[in-house]
């Protein structure tokens, strides 16, 4: 049984994203670093990341490789790989 309609799902996503962004905002403020967070809901995540970075005139895009361990850690996540492939903005990938 589906527990969420499309609208309630989007509201749930917005609330979760706001909580995660608040954690980063608080850490950035404590470190004296500028922070401008946003939450996007897009069919193609990699394209939304690149578009947002372009619109904000970002100097760099920072992404995690993924949370895998062992042999699977040798391969980048698919969204990270797509951003690396399609972005003209430099991308920093961290593990």
Protein backbone atom coordinates (compact mmCIF):
# COMPACT_ATOMS: atom_id res chain seq x y z
CA UNK A 1 0.00 0.00 0.00
CA UNK A 2 1.31 3.44 -0.94
CA UNK A 3 1.49 5.64 2.13
CA UNK A 4 2.16 8.99 0.41
CA UNK A 5 0.55 10.91 -2.40
CA UNK A 6 2.77 12.88 -4.72
CA UNK A 7 2.11 16.08 -2.81
CA UNK A 8 2.78 14.62 0.64
CA UNK A 9 5.94 12.98 -0.69
CA UNK A 10 7.24 16.34 -1.95
CA UNK A 11 6.42 17.99 1.39
CA UNK A 12 8.24 15.17 3.20
CA UNK A 13 11.28 15.64 0.91
CA UNK A 14 11.30 19.41 1.50
CA UNK A 15 11.16 18.93 5.28
CA UNK A 16 14.01 16.41 5.27
CA UNK A 17 16.12 18.58 2.99
CA UNK A 18 15.52 21.62 5.22
CA UNK A 19 16.75 19.67 8.26
CA UNK A 20 19.90 18.50 6.45
CA UNK A 21 20.60 21.98 5.10
CA UNK A 22 20.14 23.47 8.59
CA UNK A 23 22.91 21.21 9.92
CA UNK A 24 25.27 22.40 7.18
CA UNK A 25 24.21 26.05 7.59
CA UNK A 26 24.93 25.93 11.34
CA UNK A 27 28.34 24.33 10.76
CA UNK A 28 29.20 26.89 8.08
CA UNK A 29 28.18 29.80 10.33
CA UNK A 30 30.28 28.40 13.18
CA UNK A 31 33.28 28.17 10.84
CA UNK A 32 32.69 31.64 9.38
CA UNK A 33 32.04 30.24 5.92
CA UNK A 34 29.38 31.63 3.58
CA UNK A 35 26.52 29.20 2.92
CA UNK A 36 23.73 29.35 0.34
CA UNK A 37 21.84 26.06 0.42
CA UNK A 38 19.06 24.94 -1.86
CA UNK A 39 16.93 21.87 -2.41
CA UNK A 40 16.00 20.88 -5.93
CA UNK A 41 13.68 18.15 -7.10
CA UNK A 42 14.60 17.10 -10.63
CA UNK A 43 14.26 14.16 -12.96
CA UNK A 44 17.96 14.33 -13.89
CA UNK A 45 19.87 15.07 -10.70
CA UNK A 46 23.26 15.58 -12.34
CA UNK A 47 21.83 18.21 -14.72
CA UNK A 48 20.12 20.03 -11.82
CA UNK A 49 23.42 20.10 -9.91
CA UNK A 50 25.28 21.56 -12.89
CA UNK A 51 22.50 24.07 -13.68
CA UNK A 52 22.32 25.27 -10.06
CA UNK A 53 26.11 25.68 -9.89
CA UNK A 54 26.07 27.63 -13.16
CA UNK A 55 23.20 29.89 -12.04
CA UNK A 56 24.96 30.62 -8.74
CA UNK A 57 28.28 31.25 -10.55
CA UNK A 58 30.02 28.63 -8.41
CA UNK A 59 33.77 28.19 -8.72
CA UNK A 60 33.65 24.49 -7.91
CA UNK A 61 31.21 21.64 -7.31
CA UNK A 62 32.01 19.40 -4.34
CA UNK A 63 30.54 15.89 -4.25
CA UNK A 64 30.98 12.68 -2.31
CA UNK A 65 32.08 9.66 -4.27
CA UNK A 66 29.60 7.45 -2.35
CA UNK A 67 29.44 5.49 0.86
CA UNK A 68 30.61 2.13 -0.40
CA UNK A 69 33.53 0.11 0.91
CA UNK A 70 35.85 -2.49 -0.50
CA UNK A 71 36.00 -3.16 -4.24
CA UNK A 72 32.77 -1.17 -4.82
CA UNK A 73 34.54 1.94 -3.46
CA UNK A 74 36.84 1.96 -6.49
CA UNK A 75 33.97 3.04 -8.76
CA UNK A 76 32.43 6.51 -8.46
CA UNK A 77 28.71 6.93 -7.88
CA UNK A 78 26.67 7.32 -11.06
CA UNK A 79 25.52 10.91 -10.33
CA UNK A 80 29.05 11.98 -9.46
CA UNK A 81 30.33 10.40 -12.66
CA UNK A 82 27.69 12.21 -14.73
CA UNK A 83 28.52 15.56 -13.12
CA UNK A 84 32.24 14.98 -13.79
CA UNK A 85 31.48 14.07 -17.40
CA UNK A 86 29.08 16.92 -18.22
CA UNK A 87 30.25 19.86 -16.09
CA UNK A 88 32.53 22.61 -17.32
CA UNK A 89 32.83 23.75 -13.68
CA UNK A 90 35.64 21.99 -11.75
CA UNK A 91 34.40 19.13 -9.55
CA UNK A 92 36.05 18.04 -6.30
CA UNK A 93 35.18 14.46 -5.32
CA UNK A 94 35.81 13.40 -1.74
CA UNK A 95 35.55 10.06 0.02
